[in-house]
Amino acid sequence: MRGEVLPASRREFIGTTVSAAVAVAAGAPFIACAPAPLSLSFRTIADPDGWHPNLRLKGDWLIVEISDGRLSGFGEASHSMDDDRCREVTADLFNRHYQRFPLSLEALAENEGEIGRLSPDFITATAYSGLNQALYDLLAKREQVPVWRLFADRPGLEGIELYTTINRALQTRTPGEYSAIVAAAAAQGFGHVKCAPFEAVDGRDDAIGKSAAGLALLDRLRQEFPEMGIRVDFHERYVPEEFFALLPEFERLRLTWLEEPFAMGPAYSELRARTDIPIAAGELFWGSSRFQTIADEEWADVIMPDVKHVGGFGPLLQVLAMGAGRIEISPHNPSGPVSTAASLHAAALYPGTVRSLEYAFDRTQSRAATGEVIEDGRLLLTDRPGWGVEPV
């Protein structure tokens, strides 16, 4: 599946579709009829490896299913931090806005423009995102094409390199367990892992002293796995001054990126000036405006929109379009197979912008049953309709 993406512009594709529809309507009488009602249901799938209370985003996989009575489209609304409330909000939004949604690319674009002007809370943002993903999946299944094919004649890639986040697979979080999980990841073909071993740090109070255990753990992993790429997520636990003091240690450990060490803002300019290690940030933002600011101010090397929280698949593409040719984008994705597939389809439309994708480590490799295809640490694109995966 190699080749240039044609057309790359979503609006061009929609414009072509609308023009064709107008031409047909001009030559024949048009009878307006309301679309048949859609139905909504949910699936909760336990994360195969479970999750630890220390995680920033807790919970299993919440799957949104929209059906037209014949086909079902799936979206993922995981990690809102309150699955029960997320179901309630999703059901309310569906009943008010989507039950008779006239499903088309044009209608999706119009809806995304409307909700993009909102400033929803995190749960509502996740609910909107899950519904949006499910509608794209359903539309592509109706057309019997993969989602990427709604926008381009050919995808820009056959697969994408994964880096696996091991945070959710750690139960005891001991040094021995870290070593065992990284060894298992290496055995599965992953060349990069991401971890978050600085949970002892909780603000300005002796952050440097409380970093000792995390640094010792990273030193152990670097000695045991000298060729493994190690990315570290700090979950905004530091203030800038104390994090700057630790930079020589991170450089000695040859980390391959530093993710969200402190709250996003102008201090990131100084951070980038102090180190050559790539800086990644922006995993939970809604819409594109905050990503636009990060790119304009050059606060990070990599931005990380999450299809589950940014507004859905269309809004994810908007962030990718904004960043194309300006900044690397690596979708945030410590979650299940639906969000993973949606992120892959987005990457297929912007292959030069997206170079790697986050993947929640699956120790038992049970996710293969959903239709995911991973070879040598790369997630492969398929021609199956919709996202190409089936939640099980």
Protein backbone atom coordinates (compact mmCIF):
# COMPACT_ATOMS: atom_id res chain seq x y z
CA MET A 1 0.00 0.00 0.00
CA ARG A 2 2.70 2.50 -0.88
CA GLY A 3 2.16 5.70 -2.74
CA GLU A 4 1.23 9.32 -2.48
CA VAL A 5 -1.99 10.11 -0.66
CA LEU A 6 -4.59 11.43 -3.13
CA PRO A 7 -6.37 13.64 -2.34
CA ALA A 8 -4.86 14.68 1.00
CA SER A 9 -7.40 17.43 1.58
CA ARG A 10 -10.53 16.40 3.44
CA ARG A 11 -12.37 19.52 2.33
CA GLU A 12 -11.55 18.86 -1.33
CA PHE A 13 -12.98 15.38 -1.00
CA ILE A 14 -16.14 16.68 0.67
CA GLY A 15 -16.47 19.43 -1.91
CA THR A 16 -16.27 16.90 -4.73
CA THR A 17 -18.92 14.77 -3.08
CA VAL A 18 -21.26 17.73 -2.60
CA SER A 19 -20.82 18.93 -6.19
CA ALA A 20 -21.68 15.49 -7.52
CA ALA A 21 -24.78 15.34 -5.35
CA VAL A 22 -25.94 18.76 -6.58
CA ALA A 23 -25.44 17.72 -10.19
CA VAL A 24 -27.59 14.63 -9.72
CA ALA A 25 -30.28 16.59 -7.88
CA ALA A 26 -30.45 19.15 -10.70
CA GLY A 27 -31.48 16.46 -13.17
CA ALA A 28 -34.07 14.66 -11.09
CA PRO A 29 -36.75 15.49 -8.53
CA PHE A 30 -35.57 15.31 -4.92
CA ILE A 31 -37.75 13.78 -2.25
CA ALA A 32 -36.58 14.65 1.24
CA CYS A 33 -36.90 11.93 3.84
CA ALA A 34 -35.60 11.67 7.37
CA PRO A 35 -32.82 9.14 7.88
CA ALA A 36 -33.73 5.95 9.67
CA PRO A 37 -32.99 6.12 13.39
CA LEU A 38 -29.68 4.82 14.65
CA SER A 39 -29.23 2.98 17.94
CA LEU A 40 -26.55 3.24 20.60
CA SER A 41 -25.02 0.61 22.85
CA PHE A 42 -21.83 0.14 24.86
CA ARG A 43 -19.26 -2.54 25.48
CA THR A 44 -16.78 -2.54 28.32
CA ILE A 45 -13.70 -4.65 27.66
CA ALA A 46 -11.26 -5.34 30.45
CA ASP A 47 -7.74 -4.17 29.70
CA PRO A 48 -5.90 -7.50 29.19
CA ASP A 49 -3.16 -6.57 31.63
CA GLY A 50 -5.29 -4.59 34.05
CA TRP A 51 -4.11 -1.28 35.46
CA HIS A 52 -2.51 0.14 38.58
CA PRO A 53 -3.99 2.91 40.78
CA ASN A 54 -0.88 5.03 40.18
CA LEU A 55 -1.79 5.52 36.52
CA ARG A 56 -2.77 9.00 35.38
CA LEU A 57 -5.66 7.64 33.28
CA LYS A 58 -7.44 4.71 34.91
CA GLY A 59 -10.01 2.26 33.57
CA ASP A 60 -10.73 -0.39 31.00
CA TRP A 61 -11.86 0.10 27.38
CA LEU A 62 -15.26 1.72 26.91
CA ILE A 63 -16.53 0.99 23.39
CA VAL A 64 -19.31 3.04 21.79
CA GLU A 65 -21.39 1.13 19.22
CA ILE A 66 -23.73 2.89 16.77
CA SER A 67 -25.91 0.61 14.65
CA ASP A 68 -28.28 1.19 11.74
CA GLY A 69 -29.83 -2.25 12.22
CA ARG A 70 -27.54 -3.83 9.67
CA LEU A 71 -24.05 -2.56 10.38
CA SER A 72 -22.33 -1.29 13.50
CA GLY A 73 -19.69 1.41 13.84
CA PHE A 74 -17.34 1.44 16.83
CA GLY A 75 -15.68 4.26 18.70
CA GLU A 76 -13.63 4.29 21.86
CA ALA A 77 -14.39 6.50 24.87
CA SER A 78 -11.92 5.00 27.30
CA HIS A 79 -10.10 6.77 30.12
CA SER A 80 -12.53 9.61 30.84
CA MET A 81 -11.88 8.80 34.51
CA ASP A 82 -15.61 8.09 35.08
CA ASP A 83 -17.00 5.45 32.73
CA ASP A 84 -20.51 5.49 34.24
CA ARG A 85 -20.81 9.23 33.77
CA CYS A 86 -19.28 8.99 30.29
CA ARG A 87 -21.99 6.49 29.29
CA GLU A 88 -24.66 8.85 30.56
CA VAL A 89 -23.24 11.84 28.71
CA THR A 90 -22.69 9.83 25.52
CA ALA A 91 -26.29 8.55 25.59
CA ASP A 92 -27.63 12.07 26.17
CA LEU A 93 -25.58 13.52 23.30
CA PHE A 94 -26.63 10.66 21.02
CA ASN A 95 -30.34 11.06 21.83
CA ARG A 96 -30.23 14.83 21.30
CA HIS A 97 -27.97 15.07 18.26
CA TYR A 98 -27.18 11.78 16.55
CA GLN A 99 -30.15 9.44 16.63
CA ARG A 100 -31.26 10.61 13.18
CA PHE A 101 -27.89 11.83 11.99
CA PRO A 102 -27.74 12.11 8.15
CA LEU A 103 -24.47 10.21 7.91
CA SER A 104 -22.08 11.57 5.28
CA LEU A 105 -18.67 13.21 5.19
CA GLU A 106 -20.36 16.57 4.68
CA ALA A 107 -22.62 16.10 7.71
CA LEU A 108 -19.69 14.95 9.84
CA ALA A 109 -17.64 17.99 8.83
CA GLU A 110 -20.51 20.34 9.68
CA ASN A 111 -21.03 18.65 13.05
CA GLU A 112 -17.32 18.83 13.83
CA GLY A 113 -17.35 22.54 13.09
CA GLU A 114 -20.22 23.04 15.51
CA ILE A 115 -18.79 21.05 18.40
CA GLY A 116 -15.29 22.42 17.76
CA ARG A 117 -16.51 25.80 18.98
CA LEU A 118 -17.44 24.29 22.35
CA SER A 119 -15.24 24.01 25.45
CA PRO A 120 -16.48 20.73 26.92
CA ASP A 121 -15.33 19.17 30.16
CA PHE A 122 -13.09 16.12 29.85
CA ILE A 123 -15.89 13.55 30.11
CA THR A 124 -18.02 15.32 27.49
CA ALA A 125 -15.01 15.67 25.20
CA THR A 126 -14.44 11.92 25.48
CA ALA A 127 -18.11 11.21 24.80
CA TYR A 128 -18.15 13.37 21.66
CA SER A 129 -14.92 11.70 20.53
CA GLY A 130 -16.31 8.18 20.91
CA LEU A 131 -19.46 9.03 18.96
CA ASN A 132 -17.48 10.66 16.16
CA GLN A 133 -15.21 7.64 15.75
CA ALA A 134 -18.20 5.29 15.62
CA LEU A 135 -19.90 7.35 12.90
CA TYR A 136 -16.80 7.26 10.69
CA ASP A 137 -16.56 3.50 11.14
CA LEU A 138 -20.23 3.06 10.25
CA LEU A 139 -19.97 5.33 7.19
CA ALA A 140 -16.96 3.45 5.84
CA LYS A 141 -18.66 0.10 6.42
CA ARG A 142 -21.68 1.30 4.46
CA GLU A 143 -19.31 2.18 1.63
CA GLN A 144 -17.45 -1.12 2.13
CA VAL A 145 -14.10 0.64 2.32
CA PRO A 146 -11.53 1.25 5.06
CA VAL A 147 -11.91 4.65 6.71
CA TRP A 148 -8.74 6.01 5.09
CA ARG A 149 -10.34 5.31 1.68
CA LEU A 150 -13.01 7.94 2.41
CA PHE A 151 -10.24 10.53 1.93
CA ALA A 152 -7.64 9.11 -0.43
CA ASP A 153 -7.19 6.73 -3.33
CA ARG A 154 -4.12 5.21 -1.70
CA PRO A 155 -2.75 5.27 1.83
CA GLY A 156 0.63 6.78 2.50
CA LEU A 157 1.96 3.81 4.42
CA GLU A 158 1.64 0.06 4.88
CA GLY A 159 2.17 0.18 8.61
CA ILE A 160 3.64 2.31 11.36
CA GLU A 161 6.30 1.79 14.00
CA LEU A 162 4.87 1.33 17.48
CA TYR A 163 6.37 2.28 20.78
CA THR A 164 4.78 0.33 23.58
CA THR A 165 3.77 1.96 26.83
CA ILE A 166 4.31 -0.53 29.65
CA ASN A 167 2.65 1.49 32.42
CA ARG A 168 -0.61 -0.44 32.35
CA ALA A 169 1.11 -3.83 32.37
CA LEU A 170 2.96 -3.13 35.62
CA GLN A 171 1.22 -4.47 38.69
CA THR A 172 3.89 -4.34 41.43
CA ARG A 173 6.02 -1.64 39.77
CA THR A 174 9.18 -3.18 41.23
CA PRO A 175 12.52 -3.01 39.38
CA GLY A 176 12.33 -6.72 38.66
CA GLU A 177 8.89 -6.41 37.10
CA TYR A 178 10.03 -3.46 34.99
CA SER A 179 12.91 -5.56 33.67
CA ALA A 180 10.62 -8.51 32.92
CA ILE A 181 8.10 -6.38 31.03
CA VAL A 182 10.76 -4.59 28.97
CA ALA A 183 12.29 -7.98 28.12
CA ALA A 184 8.87 -9.22 27.01
CA ALA A 185 8.39 -6.10 24.88
CA ALA A 186 11.78 -6.65 23.24
CA ALA A 187 10.85 -10.29 22.56
CA GLN A 188 7.67 -9.12 20.79
CA GLY A 189 9.76 -6.95 18.47
CA PHE A 190 9.31 -3.50 20.01
CA GLY A 191 12.31 -1.20 19.72
CA HIS A 192 10.95 1.54 21.98
CA VAL A 193 9.16 1.45 25.33
CA LYS A 194 7.60 4.23 27.38
CA CYS A 195 7.38 4.20 31.15
CA ALA A 196 6.54 6.58 34.01
CA PRO A 197 8.72 5.67 37.00
CA PHE A 198 8.54 9.00 38.83
CA GLU A 199 5.27 8.59 40.75
CA ALA A 200 7.10 9.50 43.99
CA VAL A 201 7.43 13.08 42.74
CA ASP A 202 4.44 15.16 43.78
CA GLY A 203 5.38 18.80 43.31
CA ARG A 204 8.02 21.25 44.56
CA ASP A 205 8.68 19.39 47.84
CA ASP A 206 12.07 17.68 47.34
CA ALA A 207 11.34 16.67 43.77
CA ILE A 208 15.02 15.99 43.11
CA GLY A 209 15.37 13.69 46.11
CA LYS A 210 12.16 11.88 45.25
CA SER A 211 13.48 11.29 41.73
CA ALA A 212 16.24 8.96 42.96
CA ALA A 213 14.24 5.75 42.67
CA GLY A 214 13.07 6.57 39.13
CA LEU A 215 16.60 7.44 38.03
CA ALA A 216 17.94 4.20 39.54
CA LEU A 217 15.28 2.24 37.68
CA LEU A 218 16.09 3.91 34.37
CA ASP A 219 19.80 3.28 34.97
CA ARG A 220 19.02 -0.42 35.47
CA LEU A 221 16.95 -0.58 32.27
CA ARG A 222 19.64 1.20 30.27
CA GLN A 223 22.28 -1.27 31.45
CA GLU A 224 20.08 -4.32 30.78
CA PHE A 225 18.70 -3.06 27.45
CA PRO A 226 21.41 -0.84 25.95
CA GLU A 227 19.78 -0.71 22.49
CA MET A 228 16.19 -0.17 23.62
CA GLY A 229 14.71 3.26 23.04
CA ILE A 230 13.32 4.53 26.34
CA ARG A 231 10.72 7.28 26.41
CA VAL A 232 9.61 8.69 29.77
CA ASP A 233 6.28 10.26 30.68
CA PHE A 234 6.52 12.57 33.72
CA HIS A 235 2.80 13.43 33.93
CA GLU A 236 3.56 17.10 34.75
CA ARG A 237 4.95 16.17 38.19
CA TYR A 238 7.75 18.78 38.21
CA VAL A 239 8.24 22.51 38.30
CA PRO A 240 10.62 23.73 35.58
CA GLU A 241 13.62 24.67 37.75
CA GLU A 242 13.90 21.27 39.43
CA PHE A 243 13.38 19.42 36.17
CA PHE A 244 16.14 21.43 34.51
CA ALA A 245 18.51 20.29 37.26
CA LEU A 246 17.86 16.65 36.31
CA LEU A 247 18.52 17.06 32.58
CA PRO A 248 22.15 15.87 32.74
CA GLU A 249 20.94 12.57 34.21
CA PHE A 250 18.36 12.07 31.47
CA GLU A 251 20.96 12.79 28.82
CA ARG A 252 23.38 10.33 30.42
CA LEU A 253 20.63 7.70 30.27
CA ARG A 254 20.13 8.40 26.53
CA LEU A 255 16.37 8.81 26.81
CA THR A 256 14.66 9.13 23.44
CA TRP A 257 12.02 11.62 24.56
CA LEU A 258 10.76 13.52 27.60
CA GLU A 259 6.98 13.75 27.86
CA GLU A 260 5.12 16.47 29.78
CA PRO A 261 7.58 17.11 32.63
CA PHE A 262 5.58 20.15 33.79
CA ALA A 263 2.50 22.14 32.82
CA MET A 264 2.50 23.38 29.24
CA GLY A 265 3.66 26.98 28.84
CA PRO A 266 6.57 29.27 27.95
CA ALA A 267 9.03 27.34 30.16
CA TYR A 268 9.09 24.72 27.42
CA SER A 269 11.09 27.15 25.28
CA GLU A 270 13.86 27.10 27.87
CA LEU A 271 13.61 23.32 28.19
CA ARG A 272 14.15 22.86 24.45
CA ALA A 273 17.11 25.23 24.58
CA ARG A 274 18.72 23.21 27.38
CA THR A 275 18.55 19.73 25.82
CA ASP A 276 18.65 17.87 22.52
CA ILE A 277 16.29 15.17 23.80
CA PRO A 278 12.95 15.52 21.96
CA ILE A 279 10.11 16.97 24.03
CA ALA A 280 6.58 15.55 23.66
CA ALA A 281 3.40 17.10 25.05
CA GLY A 282 -0.31 17.73 24.64
CA GLU A 283 -2.08 14.42 25.17
CA LEU A 284 -5.45 15.51 26.59
CA PHE A 285 -6.33 18.70 24.68
CA TRP A 286 -9.66 19.24 22.91
CA GLY A 287 -9.72 20.58 19.36
CA SER A 288 -6.74 22.10 17.58
CA SER A 289 -6.18 25.54 19.11
CA ARG A 290 -3.85 24.50 21.95
CA PHE A 291 -1.86 22.31 19.57
CA GLN A 292 -1.64 25.31 17.25
CA THR A 293 -0.15 27.36 20.08
CA ILE A 294 2.44 24.69 20.89
CA ALA A 295 3.48 24.52 17.24
CA ASP A 296 3.53 28.31 16.79
CA GLU A 297 5.58 28.87 19.95
CA GLU A 298 7.83 25.88 19.22
CA TRP A 299 7.36 24.57 22.76
CA ALA A 300 7.69 20.90 21.80
CA ASP A 301 9.21 18.64 19.18
CA VAL A 302 6.23 16.26 19.19
CA ILE A 303 2.55 16.90 19.89
CA MET A 304 0.22 14.09 20.97
CA PRO A 305 -3.49 14.51 20.15
CA ASP A 306 -5.64 11.61 21.38
CA VAL A 307 -8.55 10.52 19.17
CA LYS A 308 -10.52 9.70 22.35
CA HIS A 309 -10.36 13.25 23.72
CA VAL A 310 -9.55 15.66 20.86
CA GLY A 311 -13.06 15.36 19.40
CA GLY A 312 -12.77 12.19 17.35
CA PHE A 313 -11.30 11.17 14.01
CA GLY A 314 -12.15 14.30 12.02
CA PRO A 315 -10.70 16.64 14.66
CA LEU A 316 -7.59 14.44 14.83
CA LEU A 317 -7.16 14.95 11.08
CA GLN A 318 -7.52 18.70 11.59
CA VAL A 319 -4.62 18.67 14.07
CA LEU A 320 -2.58 16.60 11.62
CA ALA A 321 -3.34 19.04 8.80
CA MET A 322 -2.33 21.95 11.04
CA GLY A 323 0.98 20.31 11.95
CA ALA A 324 1.93 18.84 8.58
CA GLY A 325 5.37 20.05 7.57
CA ARG A 326 5.79 21.93 10.86
CA ILE A 327 5.97 19.50 13.76
CA GLU A 328 6.00 15.76 14.38
CA ILE A 329 2.69 14.33 15.62
CA SER A 330 2.47 11.07 17.52
CA PRO A 331 -1.11 10.26 18.60
CA HIS A 332 -1.50 9.58 22.30
CA ASN A 333 -2.96 6.10 22.61
CA PRO A 334 -2.50 4.07 25.83
CA SER A 335 -5.76 2.32 25.10
CA GLY A 336 -7.70 -0.27 23.12
CA PRO A 337 -7.94 -1.54 19.56
CA VAL A 338 -10.51 0.94 18.22
CA SER A 339 -8.55 4.08 19.11
CA THR A 340 -5.39 2.34 17.90
CA ALA A 341 -6.96 1.58 14.53
CA ALA A 342 -8.38 5.10 14.20
CA SER A 343 -4.93 6.57 14.92
CA LEU A 344 -3.40 4.28 12.30
CA HIS A 345 -5.92 5.40 9.66
CA ALA A 346 -5.08 9.03 10.46
CA ALA A 347 -1.37 8.27 10.14
CA ALA A 348 -2.04 6.68 6.73
CA LEU A 349 -3.28 10.06 5.52
CA TYR A 350 -0.31 12.00 6.97
CA PRO A 351 2.61 9.57 6.83
CA GLY A 352 5.34 12.19 6.90
CA THR A 353 3.87 13.85 9.96
CA VAL A 354 3.17 10.73 12.05
CA ARG A 355 6.29 8.62 12.53
CA SER A 356 5.33 6.47 15.50
CA LEU A 357 2.23 5.45 17.43
CA GLU A 358 1.73 4.61 21.08
CA TYR A 359 0.53 1.08 21.86
CA ALA A 360 -0.52 -0.28 25.25
CA PHE A 361 1.66 -3.33 25.90
CA ASP A 362 -0.32 -6.56 25.59
CA ARG A 363 1.61 -9.20 27.47
CA THR A 364 -0.67 -12.07 26.34
CA GLN A 365 -1.05 -10.70 22.78
CA SER A 366 -4.79 -11.31 23.13
CA ARG A 367 -5.63 -8.23 21.06
CA ALA A 368 -4.84 -10.15 17.87
CA ALA A 369 -8.40 -11.52 18.13
CA THR A 370 -9.74 -8.04 17.30
CA GLY A 371 -8.06 -8.06 13.90
CA GLU A 372 -4.95 -6.08 14.80
CA VAL A 373 -1.93 -7.15 12.78
CA ILE A 374 1.48 -6.43 14.34
CA GLU A 375 4.75 -7.60 12.85
CA ASP A 376 8.20 -6.72 14.21
CA GLY A 377 6.85 -3.87 16.29
CA ARG A 378 4.83 -2.34 13.43
CA LEU A 379 1.05 -2.07 13.20
CA LEU A 380 -0.08 -2.94 9.68
CA LEU A 381 -2.87 -1.25 7.75
CA THR A 382 -5.53 -3.48 6.19
CA ASP A 383 -8.19 -3.14 3.49
CA ARG A 384 -11.00 -4.35 5.76
CA PRO A 385 -14.04 -2.01 5.89
CA GLY A 386 -14.19 0.62 8.59
CA TRP A 387 -11.41 0.59 11.17
CA GLY A 388 -10.69 -3.05 10.29
CA VAL A 389 -11.04 -4.25 13.89
CA GLU A 390 -13.87 -5.83 15.83
CA PRO A 391 -14.00 -5.32 19.61
CA VAL A 392 -14.20 -8.66 21.39
